[in-house]
Amino acid sequence: MSKPVVVVTGGASGIGAACCAVLAAGGSHVVVADLNEAAGRKVAAEVGGDFFAIDVGDAAGVDAAAEAIEARFGAVSGLVTSAGVIQPPLRPEELGLDLWDRVVHIDQRGTYVSCLAFGRRMAARGTGGAIVNIASVAGSRSMPLHSYAPAKAAVISMTACLSAAWGRDGVRVNSVSPGYTLTPALQAEIEAGRRDTSRLVANAALQRMVKPSEVAEAAAFLLSPAASAISGIDLPVDCGWLAGSNWNTYGGLPSPQQRSA
């Protein structure tokens, strides 16, 4: 029996690379889709998959890549859209429109065109398929990220829209919203003194950051038959950050209970 083919955009690093590893371990043939060829090929070799160059900012290129991937590896039954860019926290008047446009172009539009390229093929076949979009808790809360946060809110919204549009064709579409995730990029920011770990975990009910593998496990679940009745939802994987984010109004989250020896 052939392995299911799953494409992971942004699969060369961070959460995307973790998704590649977990999906491959679960028996999928993973296609690492990324602009970074060197890193992408390294991940593909590590997980026993293949690399394919994709720029999610190029809609025509993504559609052509989807056609080429299916011609080479067979029908794609799963898609994880993890490609994205971030922005520094800035006041609105300090955030240049060039950067604003870049973030929206990649994080919102790039996610949509990726879903469209692969999802329309799944829908046309009528044999099922599943898509998981990597959103963010930033899409559900106010933050000084005036391009990134609205773009991720749009990803959550388009997930619900696409799930309804393609549901009768057997295609499920869900999103995962990671909280503060200890990717190599965030680890580097912490080590450089640009991010304060205590602030990152202060509102998390579990008082820690998320591991990339934990986001990947959630994405793999939503792609799997175990989630066959789940479509159109956003699943926060945030160590309880959303749940605890308003508790500062009441003095903060409670300390752990004392336990007898």
C-alpha atoms as a PDB file:
ATOM      1  CA  MET A   1       0.000   0.000   0.000  1.00  0.00           C
ATOM      2  CA  SER A   2       1.470   3.365  -1.032  1.00  0.00           C
ATOM      3  CA  LYS A   3       2.095   6.044   1.540  1.00  0.00           C
ATOM      4  CA  PRO A   4      -0.194   9.100   1.632  1.00  0.00           C
ATOM      5  CA  VAL A   5       1.490  12.132   0.104  1.00  0.00           C
ATOM      6  CA  VAL A   6       1.554  15.190   2.353  1.00  0.00           C
ATOM      7  CA  VAL A   7       2.987  18.580   1.377  1.00  0.00           C
ATOM      8  CA  VAL A   8       4.332  20.932   4.037  1.00  0.00           C
ATOM      9  CA  THR A   9       4.953  24.509   2.921  1.00  0.00           C
ATOM     10  CA  GLY A  10       7.608  26.227   4.992  1.00  0.00           C
ATOM     11  CA  GLY A  11       8.868  22.749   5.825  1.00  0.00           C
ATOM     12  CA  ALA A  12      12.554  23.686   5.924  1.00  0.00           C
ATOM     13  CA  SER A  13      12.552  25.109   9.446  1.00  0.00           C
ATOM     14  CA  GLY A  14      10.745  25.622  12.732  1.00  0.00           C
ATOM     15  CA  ILE A  15       7.205  24.320  13.057  1.00  0.00           C
ATOM     16  CA  GLY A  16       7.167  23.232   9.419  1.00  0.00           C
ATOM     17  CA  ALA A  17      10.233  21.036   9.888  1.00  0.00           C
ATOM     18  CA  ALA A  18       8.696  19.533  13.021  1.00  0.00           C
ATOM     19  CA  CYS A  19       5.532  18.736  11.032  1.00  0.00           C
ATOM     20  CA  CYS A  20       7.653  16.986   8.405  1.00  0.00           C
ATOM     21  CA  ALA A  21       9.307  14.808  11.036  1.00  0.00           C
ATOM     22  CA  VAL A  22       6.079  13.841  12.808  1.00  0.00           C
ATOM     23  CA  LEU A  23       4.176  13.156   9.587  1.00  0.00           C
ATOM     24  CA  ALA A  24       6.986  11.032   8.169  1.00  0.00           C
ATOM     25  CA  ALA A  25       7.193   9.066  11.418  1.00  0.00           C
ATOM     26  CA  GLY A  26       3.462   8.447  11.094  1.00  0.00           C
ATOM     27  CA  GLY A  27       3.844   6.844   7.668  1.00  0.00           C
ATOM     28  CA  SER A  28       3.333   9.710   5.216  1.00  0.00           C
ATOM     29  CA  HIS A  29       5.520  10.492   2.230  1.00  0.00           C
ATOM     30  CA  VAL A  30       6.422  14.101   2.976  1.00  0.00           C
ATOM     31  CA  VAL A  31       7.188  16.713   0.354  1.00  0.00           C
ATOM     32  CA  VAL A  32       9.114  19.562   1.950  1.00  0.00           C
ATOM     33  CA  ALA A  33       8.050  22.694   0.077  1.00  0.00           C
ATOM     34  CA  ASP A  34      10.149  25.777   0.745  1.00  0.00           C
ATOM     35  CA  LEU A  35      12.246  28.525  -0.804  1.00  0.00           C
ATOM     36  CA  ASN A  36      15.322  27.511   1.192  1.00  0.00           C
ATOM     37  CA  GLU A  37      16.659  24.680  -0.922  1.00  0.00           C
ATOM     38  CA  ALA A  38      19.652  23.760   1.243  1.00  0.00           C
ATOM     39  CA  ALA A  39      17.646  23.552   4.476  1.00  0.00           C
ATOM     40  CA  GLY A  40      14.680  21.974   2.705  1.00  0.00           C
ATOM     41  CA  ARG A  41      16.746  19.216   1.168  1.00  0.00           C
ATOM     42  CA  LYS A  42      18.356  18.561   4.551  1.00  0.00           C
ATOM     43  CA  VAL A  43      14.956  18.108   6.213  1.00  0.00           C
ATOM     44  CA  ALA A  44      13.746  15.942   3.323  1.00  0.00           C
ATOM     45  CA  ALA A  45      16.779  13.691   3.666  1.00  0.00           C
ATOM     46  CA  GLU A  46      16.276  13.419   7.426  1.00  0.00           C
ATOM     47  CA  VAL A  47      12.643  12.336   7.098  1.00  0.00           C
ATOM     48  CA  GLY A  48      13.014  10.189   3.993  1.00  0.00           C
ATOM     49  CA  GLY A  49      10.927  12.546   1.892  1.00  0.00           C
ATOM     50  CA  ASP A  50      11.474  14.847  -1.060  1.00  0.00           C
ATOM     51  CA  PHE A  51      12.081  18.550  -1.566  1.00  0.00           C
ATOM     52  CA  PHE A  52      10.225  20.862  -3.920  1.00  0.00           C
ATOM     53  CA  ALA A  53      10.907  24.584  -4.297  1.00  0.00           C
ATOM     54  CA  ILE A  54       7.815  26.697  -3.677  1.00  0.00           C
ATOM     55  CA  ASP A  55       7.379  30.449  -3.209  1.00  0.00           C
ATOM     56  CA  VAL A  56       3.926  30.963  -1.683  1.00  0.00           C
ATOM     57  CA  GLY A  57       4.110  34.597  -2.742  1.00  0.00           C
ATOM     58  CA  ASP A  58       3.790  33.467  -6.380  1.00  0.00           C
ATOM     59  CA  ALA A  59       0.246  32.175  -6.948  1.00  0.00           C
ATOM     60  CA  ALA A  60       0.883  30.877 -10.459  1.00  0.00           C
ATOM     61  CA  GLY A  61       4.073  29.218  -9.287  1.00  0.00           C
ATOM     62  CA  VAL A  62       2.288  27.477  -6.407  1.00  0.00           C
ATOM     63  CA  ASP A  63      -0.363  26.099  -8.748  1.00  0.00           C
ATOM     64  CA  ALA A  64       2.291  24.876 -11.173  1.00  0.00           C
ATOM     65  CA  ALA A  65       4.162  23.276  -8.281  1.00  0.00           C
ATOM     66  CA  ALA A  66       1.003  21.495  -7.124  1.00  0.00           C
ATOM     67  CA  GLU A  67       0.559  20.052 -10.606  1.00  0.00           C
ATOM     68  CA  ALA A  68       4.199  18.987 -10.802  1.00  0.00           C
ATOM     69  CA  ILE A  69       4.184  17.431  -7.323  1.00  0.00           C
ATOM     70  CA  GLU A  70       1.113  15.350  -8.128  1.00  0.00           C
ATOM     71  CA  ALA A  71       2.580  14.287 -11.469  1.00  0.00           C
ATOM     72  CA  ARG A  72       5.738  13.108  -9.735  1.00  0.00           C
ATOM     73  CA  PHE A  73       4.536  11.694  -6.416  1.00  0.00           C
ATOM     74  CA  GLY A  74       0.824  11.041  -6.938  1.00  0.00           C
ATOM     75  CA  ALA A  75      -2.301  12.648  -5.552  1.00  0.00           C
ATOM     76  CA  VAL A  76      -1.682  14.848  -2.515  1.00  0.00           C
ATOM     77  CA  SER A  77      -4.035  13.874   0.302  1.00  0.00           C
ATOM     78  CA  GLY A  78      -2.687  16.226   2.972  1.00  0.00           C
ATOM     79  CA  LEU A  79      -1.391  19.784   3.135  1.00  0.00           C
ATOM     80  CA  VAL A  80       0.150  21.769   5.983  1.00  0.00           C
ATOM     81  CA  THR A  81       0.601  25.475   5.257  1.00  0.00           C
ATOM     82  CA  SER A  82       3.420  26.598   7.531  1.00  0.00           C
ATOM     83  CA  ALA A  83       5.189  29.084   5.250  1.00  0.00           C
ATOM     84  CA  GLY A  84       5.141  32.549   6.706  1.00  0.00           C
ATOM     85  CA  VAL A  85       7.050  35.648   7.781  1.00  0.00           C
ATOM     86  CA  ILE A  86       6.976  37.583  11.020  1.00  0.00           C
ATOM     87  CA  GLN A  87       7.143  41.268  11.872  1.00  0.00           C
ATOM     88  CA  PRO A  88       8.675  43.206  14.753  1.00  0.00           C
ATOM     89  CA  PRO A  89       6.286  44.735  17.313  1.00  0.00           C
ATOM     90  CA  LEU A  90       5.840  48.317  16.149  1.00  0.00           C
ATOM     91  CA  ARG A  91       3.399  51.170  16.590  1.00  0.00           C
ATOM     92  CA  PRO A  92       1.084  51.520  13.557  1.00  0.00           C
ATOM     93  CA  GLU A  93       2.712  54.792  12.501  1.00  0.00           C
ATOM     94  CA  GLU A  94       6.130  53.086  12.606  1.00  0.00           C
ATOM     95  CA  LEU A  95       5.125  50.043  10.569  1.00  0.00           C
ATOM     96  CA  GLY A  96       5.907  50.767   6.934  1.00  0.00           C
ATOM     97  CA  LEU A  97       3.337  49.677   4.392  1.00  0.00           C
ATOM     98  CA  ASP A  98       5.986  47.764   2.450  1.00  0.00           C
ATOM     99  CA  LEU A  99       6.452  45.470   5.442  1.00  0.00           C
ATOM    100  CA  TRP A 100       2.699  45.383   6.136  1.00  0.00           C
ATOM    101  CA  ASP A 101       2.071  44.313   2.552  1.00  0.00           C
ATOM    102  CA  ARG A 102       4.840  41.701   2.669  1.00  0.00           C
ATOM    103  CA  VAL A 103       3.420  40.028   5.788  1.00  0.00           C
ATOM    104  CA  VAL A 104      -0.137  39.972   4.436  1.00  0.00           C
ATOM    105  CA  HIS A 105       1.072  38.797   1.020  1.00  0.00           C
ATOM    106  CA  ILE A 106       2.878  35.771   2.464  1.00  0.00           C
ATOM    107  CA  ASP A 107       0.941  34.903   5.630  1.00  0.00           C
ATOM    108  CA  GLN A 108      -2.606  35.528   4.402  1.00  0.00           C
ATOM    109  CA  ARG A 109      -2.538  35.426   0.609  1.00  0.00           C
ATOM    110  CA  GLY A 110       0.187  32.784   0.513  1.00  0.00           C
ATOM    111  CA  THR A 111      -1.842  30.505   2.750  1.00  0.00           C
ATOM    112  CA  TYR A 112      -4.916  31.005   0.591  1.00  0.00           C
ATOM    113  CA  VAL A 113      -3.194  30.314  -2.726  1.00  0.00           C
ATOM    114  CA  SER A 114      -1.567  27.190  -1.235  1.00  0.00           C
ATOM    115  CA  CYS A 115      -4.953  25.933  -0.058  1.00  0.00           C
ATOM    116  CA  LEU A 116      -6.450  26.735  -3.445  1.00  0.00           C
ATOM    117  CA  ALA A 117      -3.734  24.989  -5.457  1.00  0.00           C
ATOM    118  CA  PHE A 118      -3.891  21.723  -3.539  1.00  0.00           C
ATOM    119  CA  GLY A 119      -7.437  21.876  -2.155  1.00  0.00           C
ATOM    120  CA  ARG A 120      -9.135  22.334  -5.503  1.00  0.00           C
ATOM    121  CA  ARG A 121      -7.409  19.210  -6.749  1.00  0.00           C
ATOM    122  CA  MET A 122      -8.539  17.261  -3.676  1.00  0.00           C
ATOM    123  CA  ALA A 123     -12.091  18.538  -4.168  1.00  0.00           C
ATOM    124  CA  ALA A 124     -12.117  17.704  -7.891  1.00  0.00           C
ATOM    125  CA  ARG A 125     -11.144  14.096  -7.159  1.00  0.00           C
ATOM    126  CA  GLY A 126     -13.867  13.734  -4.520  1.00  0.00           C
ATOM    127  CA  THR A 127     -11.863  11.059  -2.701  1.00  0.00           C
ATOM    128  CA  GLY A 128     -11.148  13.103   0.410  1.00  0.00           C
ATOM    129  CA  GLY A 129      -8.242  15.128   1.683  1.00  0.00           C
ATOM    130  CA  ALA A 130      -7.244  17.288   4.611  1.00  0.00           C
ATOM    131  CA  ILE A 131      -5.594  20.671   5.041  1.00  0.00           C
ATOM    132  CA  VAL A 132      -4.120  22.173   8.200  1.00  0.00           C
ATOM    133  CA  ASN A 133      -3.243  25.858   8.174  1.00  0.00           C
ATOM    134  CA  ILE A 134      -0.739  27.080  10.744  1.00  0.00           C
ATOM    135  CA  ALA A 135      -2.339  30.194  12.216  1.00  0.00           C
ATOM    136  CA  SER A 136      -1.377  31.772  15.570  1.00  0.00           C
ATOM    137  CA  VAL A 137      -2.846  32.865  18.884  1.00  0.00           C
ATOM    138  CA  ALA A 138      -1.999  36.335  17.551  1.00  0.00           C
ATOM    139  CA  GLY A 139      -5.062  35.928  15.342  1.00  0.00           C
ATOM    140  CA  SER A 140      -7.291  35.752  18.418  1.00  0.00           C
ATOM    141  CA  ARG A 141      -5.890  38.533  20.604  1.00  0.00           C
ATOM    142  CA  SER A 142      -4.819  42.153  20.376  1.00  0.00           C
ATOM    143  CA  MET A 143      -1.050  42.500  19.936  1.00  0.00           C
ATOM    144  CA  PRO A 144       1.353  45.173  18.658  1.00  0.00           C
ATOM    145  CA  LEU A 145       1.595  43.163  15.425  1.00  0.00           C
ATOM    146  CA  HIS A 146      -0.594  45.247  13.149  1.00  0.00           C
ATOM    147  CA  SER A 147       0.032  43.172  10.041  1.00  0.00           C
ATOM    148  CA  TYR A 148       0.855  39.694  11.375  1.00  0.00           C
ATOM    149  CA  ALA A 149      -2.037  39.415  13.827  1.00  0.00           C
ATOM    150  CA  PRO A 150      -4.757  40.446  11.318  1.00  0.00           C
ATOM    151  CA  ALA A 151      -3.193  38.146   8.706  1.00  0.00           C
ATOM    152  CA  LYS A 152      -3.390  35.213  11.115  1.00  0.00           C
ATOM    153  CA  ALA A 153      -6.964  36.143  12.028  1.00  0.00           C
ATOM    154  CA  ALA A 154      -7.697  35.947   8.311  1.00  0.00           C
ATOM    155  CA  VAL A 155      -6.125  32.485   8.170  1.00  0.00           C
ATOM    156  CA  ILE A 156      -8.501  31.313  10.908  1.00  0.00           C
ATOM    157  CA  SER A 157     -11.453  32.814   9.032  1.00  0.00           C
ATOM    158  CA  MET A 158     -10.480  31.418   5.619  1.00  0.00           C
ATOM    159  CA  THR A 159     -10.059  27.998   7.222  1.00  0.00           C
ATOM    160  CA  ALA A 160     -13.727  27.998   8.207  1.00  0.00           C
ATOM    161  CA  CYS A 161     -14.771  29.353   4.796  1.00  0.00           C
ATOM    162  CA  LEU A 162     -12.829  26.722   2.858  1.00  0.00           C
ATOM    163  CA  SER A 163     -14.047  23.915   5.095  1.00  0.00           C
ATOM    164  CA  ALA A 164     -17.626  24.790   4.134  1.00  0.00           C
ATOM    165  CA  ALA A 165     -16.804  25.283   0.461  1.00  0.00           C
ATOM    166  CA  TRP A 166     -15.122  21.889   0.041  1.00  0.00           C
ATOM    167  CA  GLY A 167     -16.811  19.823   2.721  1.00  0.00           C
ATOM    168  CA  ARG A 168     -19.298  18.165   0.350  1.00  0.00           C
ATOM    169  CA  ASP A 169     -16.312  17.040  -1.724  1.00  0.00           C
ATOM    170  CA  GLY A 170     -14.819  15.289   1.298  1.00  0.00           C
ATOM    171  CA  VAL A 171     -12.062  17.817   1.996  1.00  0.00           C
ATOM    172  CA  ARG A 172     -11.513  18.813   5.615  1.00  0.00           C
ATOM    173  CA  VAL A 173      -9.846  22.144   6.446  1.00  0.00           C
ATOM    174  CA  ASN A 174      -8.700  23.082   9.945  1.00  0.00           C
ATOM    175  CA  SER A 175      -6.125  25.375  11.516  1.00  0.00           C
ATOM    176  CA  VAL A 176      -3.744  25.140  14.439  1.00  0.00           C
ATOM    177  CA  SER A 177      -2.871  28.255  16.415  1.00  0.00           C
ATOM    178  CA  PRO A 178       0.484  27.881  18.163  1.00  0.00           C
ATOM    179  CA  GLY A 179       1.296  29.968  21.200  1.00  0.00           C
ATOM    180  CA  TYR A 180       4.849  31.053  21.911  1.00  0.00           C
ATOM    181  CA  THR A 181       6.781  28.154  20.424  1.00  0.00           C
ATOM    182  CA  LEU A 182      10.434  27.460  21.156  1.00  0.00           C
ATOM    183  CA  THR A 183      11.634  27.288  17.577  1.00  0.00           C
ATOM    184  CA  PRO A 184      15.329  27.795  16.783  1.00  0.00           C
ATOM    185  CA  ALA A 185      14.478  31.349  15.679  1.00  0.00           C
ATOM    186  CA  LEU A 186      12.827  32.228  19.003  1.00  0.00           C
ATOM    187  CA  GLN A 187      15.613  30.489  20.927  1.00  0.00           C
ATOM    188  CA  ALA A 188      18.112  32.722  19.141  1.00  0.00           C
ATOM    189  CA  GLU A 189      16.102  35.816  20.075  1.00  0.00           C
ATOM    190  CA  ILE A 190      16.044  34.722  23.727  1.00  0.00           C
ATOM    191  CA  GLU A 191      19.788  34.027  23.777  1.00  0.00           C
ATOM    192  CA  ALA A 192      20.452  37.435  22.197  1.00  0.00           C
ATOM    193  CA  GLY A 193      18.469  39.105  24.985  1.00  0.00           C
ATOM    194  CA  ARG A 194      15.763  40.407  22.667  1.00  0.00           C
ATOM    195  CA  ARG A 195      12.984  38.274  24.210  1.00  0.00           C
ATOM    196  CA  ASP A 196      12.292  37.717  27.914  1.00  0.00           C
ATOM    197  CA  THR A 197      11.302  34.149  28.729  1.00  0.00           C
ATOM    198  CA  SER A 198       9.443  35.205  31.868  1.00  0.00           C
ATOM    199  CA  ARG A 199       7.186  37.462  29.816  1.00  0.00           C
ATOM    200  CA  LEU A 200       6.610  34.776  27.205  1.00  0.00           C
ATOM    201  CA  VAL A 201       5.297  32.305  29.781  1.00  0.00           C
ATOM    202  CA  ALA A 202       3.636  34.714  32.233  1.00  0.00           C
ATOM    203  CA  ASN A 203       0.132  34.232  30.811  1.00  0.00           C
ATOM    204  CA  ALA A 204       0.448  30.533  29.982  1.00  0.00           C
ATOM    205  CA  ALA A 205      -1.598  28.340  32.313  1.00  0.00           C
ATOM    206  CA  LEU A 206       1.053  25.619  31.998  1.00  0.00           C
ATOM    207  CA  GLN A 207       3.807  28.202  32.631  1.00  0.00           C
ATOM    208  CA  ARG A 208       5.980  27.151  29.718  1.00  0.00           C
ATOM    209  CA  MET A 209       6.430  27.580  26.002  1.00  0.00           C
ATOM    210  CA  VAL A 210       5.232  25.173  23.332  1.00  0.00           C
ATOM    211  CA  LYS A 211       7.569  22.684  21.683  1.00  0.00           C
ATOM    212  CA  PRO A 212       7.497  22.603  17.858  1.00  0.00           C
ATOM    213  CA  SER A 213       6.772  18.873  18.026  1.00  0.00           C
ATOM    214  CA  GLU A 214       3.603  19.584  20.034  1.00  0.00           C
ATOM    215  CA  VAL A 215       2.257  21.787  17.241  1.00  0.00           C
ATOM    216  CA  ALA A 216       3.247  19.118  14.735  1.00  0.00           C
ATOM    217  CA  GLU A 217       1.420  16.395  16.670  1.00  0.00           C
ATOM    218  CA  ALA A 218      -1.760  18.498  16.620  1.00  0.00           C
ATOM    219  CA  ALA A 219      -1.435  19.065  12.872  1.00  0.00           C
ATOM    220  CA  ALA A 220      -0.839  15.349  12.280  1.00  0.00           C
ATOM    221  CA  PHE A 221      -3.940  14.505  14.307  1.00  0.00           C
ATOM    222  CA  LEU A 222      -6.106  16.881  12.279  1.00  0.00           C
ATOM    223  CA  LEU A 223      -4.797  15.357   9.048  1.00  0.00           C
ATOM    224  CA  SER A 224      -5.447  11.826  10.259  1.00  0.00           C
ATOM    225  CA  PRO A 225      -8.552   9.605  10.042  1.00  0.00           C
ATOM    226  CA  ALA A 226      -8.869  10.016  13.818  1.00  0.00           C
ATOM    227  CA  ALA A 227     -10.127  13.560  13.070  1.00  0.00           C
ATOM    228  CA  SER A 228     -12.497  12.445  10.296  1.00  0.00           C
ATOM    229  CA  ALA A 229     -15.464  14.399  11.703  1.00  0.00           C
ATOM    230  CA  ILE A 230     -13.499  17.574  12.479  1.00  0.00           C
ATOM    231  CA  SER A 231     -13.553  20.414   9.961  1.00  0.00           C
ATOM    232  CA  GLY A 232     -13.600  24.198  10.144  1.00  0.00           C
ATOM    233  CA  ILE A 233     -12.070  24.540  13.603  1.00  0.00           C
ATOM    234  CA  ASP A 234      -9.069  26.398  14.969  1.00  0.00           C
ATOM    235  CA  LEU A 235      -7.122  24.401  17.553  1.00  0.00           C
ATOM    236  CA  PRO A 236      -4.952  26.482  19.899  1.00  0.00           C
ATOM    237  CA  VAL A 237      -1.745  24.721  20.941  1.00  0.00           C
ATOM    238  CA  ASP A 238      -0.541  27.327  23.391  1.00  0.00           C
ATOM    239  CA  CYS A 239       0.040  25.819  26.856  1.00  0.00           C
ATOM    240  CA  GLY A 240      -3.131  27.590  27.957  1.00  0.00           C
ATOM    241  CA  TRP A 241      -1.936  31.073  26.938  1.00  0.00           C
ATOM    242  CA  LEU A 242      -5.311  32.144  25.572  1.00  0.00           C
ATOM    243  CA  ALA A 243      -7.041  30.826  28.680  1.00  0.00           C
ATOM    244  CA  GLY A 244      -4.705  32.692  31.010  1.00  0.00           C
ATOM    245  CA  SER A 245      -4.138  35.913  29.086  1.00  0.00           C
ATOM    246  CA  ASN A 246      -6.797  37.953  30.919  1.00  0.00           C
ATOM    247  CA  TRP A 247      -5.986  36.811  34.459  1.00  0.00           C
ATOM    248  CA  ASN A 248      -3.613  39.749  35.052  1.00  0.00           C
ATOM    249  CA  THR A 249      -6.749  41.794  35.667  1.00  0.00           C
ATOM    250  CA  TYR A 250      -7.299  39.661  38.775  1.00  0.00           C
ATOM    251  CA  GLY A 251      -3.725  39.553  39.989  1.00  0.00           C
ATOM    252  CA  GLY A 252      -2.380  36.894  37.662  1.00  0.00           C
ATOM    253  CA  LEU A 253      -2.582  33.136  37.422  1.00  0.00           C
ATOM    254  CA  PRO A 254      -2.557  31.245  40.745  1.00  0.00           C
ATOM    255  CA  SER A 255       0.651  29.714  42.054  1.00  0.00           C
ATOM    256  CA  PRO A 256       0.938  25.917  42.113  1.00  0.00           C
ATOM    257  CA  GLN A 257      -0.713  24.331  45.136  1.00  0.00           C
ATOM    258  CA  GLN A 258       1.487  23.219  48.001  1.00  0.00           C
ATOM    259  CA  ARG A 259       1.873  19.476  48.230  1.00  0.00           C
ATOM    260  CA  SER A 260       2.876  17.323  51.145  1.00  0.00           C
ATOM    261  CA  ALA A 261       6.096  15.377  50.842  1.00  0.00           C
END
